[in-house]
Amino acid sequence: MDVKTLLLQQWASCLDEEDWFPPLEKVLEDITFERAIWKPADGAMNSIWK
């Protein structure tokens, strides 16, 4: 298997294929910009946007 094929398989498994975790497209479909940039007041975590 070449690198391109491996990367395309990994992209598909994370973006739009249901596996042992929900696909990223499904998880993010209802996230607004305001929710994506939110992070805790102490700033200890990154936002979804980052």
C-alpha atoms as a PDB file:
ATOM      1  CA  MET A   1       0.000   0.000   0.000  1.00  0.00           C
ATOM      2  CA  ASP A   2       1.384   3.376  -0.951  1.00  0.00           C
ATOM      3  CA  VAL A   3       1.316   6.450   1.278  1.00  0.00           C
ATOM      4  CA  LYS A   4      -1.407   8.195  -0.730  1.00  0.00           C
ATOM      5  CA  THR A   5      -3.778   5.227  -0.387  1.00  0.00           C
ATOM      6  CA  LEU A   6      -3.100   4.983   3.334  1.00  0.00           C
ATOM      7  CA  LEU A   7      -3.758   8.691   3.870  1.00  0.00           C
ATOM      8  CA  LEU A   8      -6.990   8.568   1.860  1.00  0.00           C
ATOM      9  CA  GLN A   9      -8.209   5.602   3.923  1.00  0.00           C
ATOM     10  CA  GLN A  10      -7.402   7.397   7.168  1.00  0.00           C
ATOM     11  CA  TRP A  11      -9.116  10.580   5.940  1.00  0.00           C
ATOM     12  CA  ALA A  12     -12.265   8.626   5.068  1.00  0.00           C
ATOM     13  CA  SER A  13     -12.319   6.760   8.366  1.00  0.00           C
ATOM     14  CA  CYS A  14     -12.125  10.006  10.346  1.00  0.00           C
ATOM     15  CA  LEU A  15     -14.320  12.233   8.205  1.00  0.00           C
ATOM     16  CA  ASP A  16     -17.325  10.302   7.011  1.00  0.00           C
ATOM     17  CA  GLU A  17     -17.213   6.606   7.933  1.00  0.00           C
ATOM     18  CA  GLU A  18     -18.792   5.270  11.127  1.00  0.00           C
ATOM     19  CA  ASP A  19     -16.278   3.135  13.018  1.00  0.00           C
ATOM     20  CA  TRP A  20     -15.441   2.922  16.740  1.00  0.00           C
ATOM     21  CA  PHE A  21     -16.013   6.692  16.990  1.00  0.00           C
ATOM     22  CA  PRO A  22     -18.541   8.907  15.180  1.00  0.00           C
ATOM     23  CA  PRO A  23     -17.406  10.507  11.916  1.00  0.00           C
ATOM     24  CA  LEU A  24     -16.181  14.091  12.178  1.00  0.00           C
ATOM     25  CA  GLU A  25     -18.690  15.392   9.617  1.00  0.00           C
ATOM     26  CA  LYS A  26     -21.599  14.090  11.709  1.00  0.00           C
ATOM     27  CA  VAL A  27     -20.228  15.428  14.995  1.00  0.00           C
ATOM     28  CA  LEU A  28     -19.583  18.923  13.647  1.00  0.00           C
ATOM     29  CA  GLU A  29     -22.698  19.409  11.502  1.00  0.00           C
ATOM     30  CA  ASP A  30     -24.633  21.366  14.165  1.00  0.00           C
ATOM     31  CA  ILE A  31     -21.702  23.279  15.663  1.00  0.00           C
ATOM     32  CA  THR A  32     -22.022  27.044  15.264  1.00  0.00           C
ATOM     33  CA  PHE A  33     -19.055  29.377  14.927  1.00  0.00           C
ATOM     34  CA  GLU A  34     -19.689  30.704  18.445  1.00  0.00           C
ATOM     35  CA  ARG A  35     -19.600  27.203  19.895  1.00  0.00           C
ATOM     36  CA  ALA A  36     -16.490  26.323  17.879  1.00  0.00           C
ATOM     37  CA  ILE A  37     -14.476  29.266  19.265  1.00  0.00           C
ATOM     38  CA  TRP A  38     -15.639  28.789  22.888  1.00  0.00           C
ATOM     39  CA  LYS A  39     -13.120  27.634  25.498  1.00  0.00           C
ATOM     40  CA  PRO A  40     -13.086  27.648  29.302  1.00  0.00           C
ATOM     41  CA  ALA A  41     -12.434  30.950  31.088  1.00  0.00           C
ATOM     42  CA  ASP A  42      -9.087  29.743  32.416  1.00  0.00           C
ATOM     43  CA  GLY A  43      -7.928  29.098  28.826  1.00  0.00           C
ATOM     44  CA  ALA A  44      -6.441  25.732  29.756  1.00  0.00           C
ATOM     45  CA  MET A  45      -7.904  23.995  26.687  1.00  0.00           C
ATOM     46  CA  ASN A  46      -8.041  24.672  22.974  1.00  0.00           C
ATOM     47  CA  SER A  47     -11.314  25.448  21.243  1.00  0.00           C
ATOM     48  CA  ILE A  48     -12.756  23.232  18.511  1.00  0.00           C
ATOM     49  CA  TRP A  49     -11.734  25.991  16.091  1.00  0.00           C
ATOM     50  CA  LYS A  50      -8.065  25.660  17.061  1.00  0.00           C
END
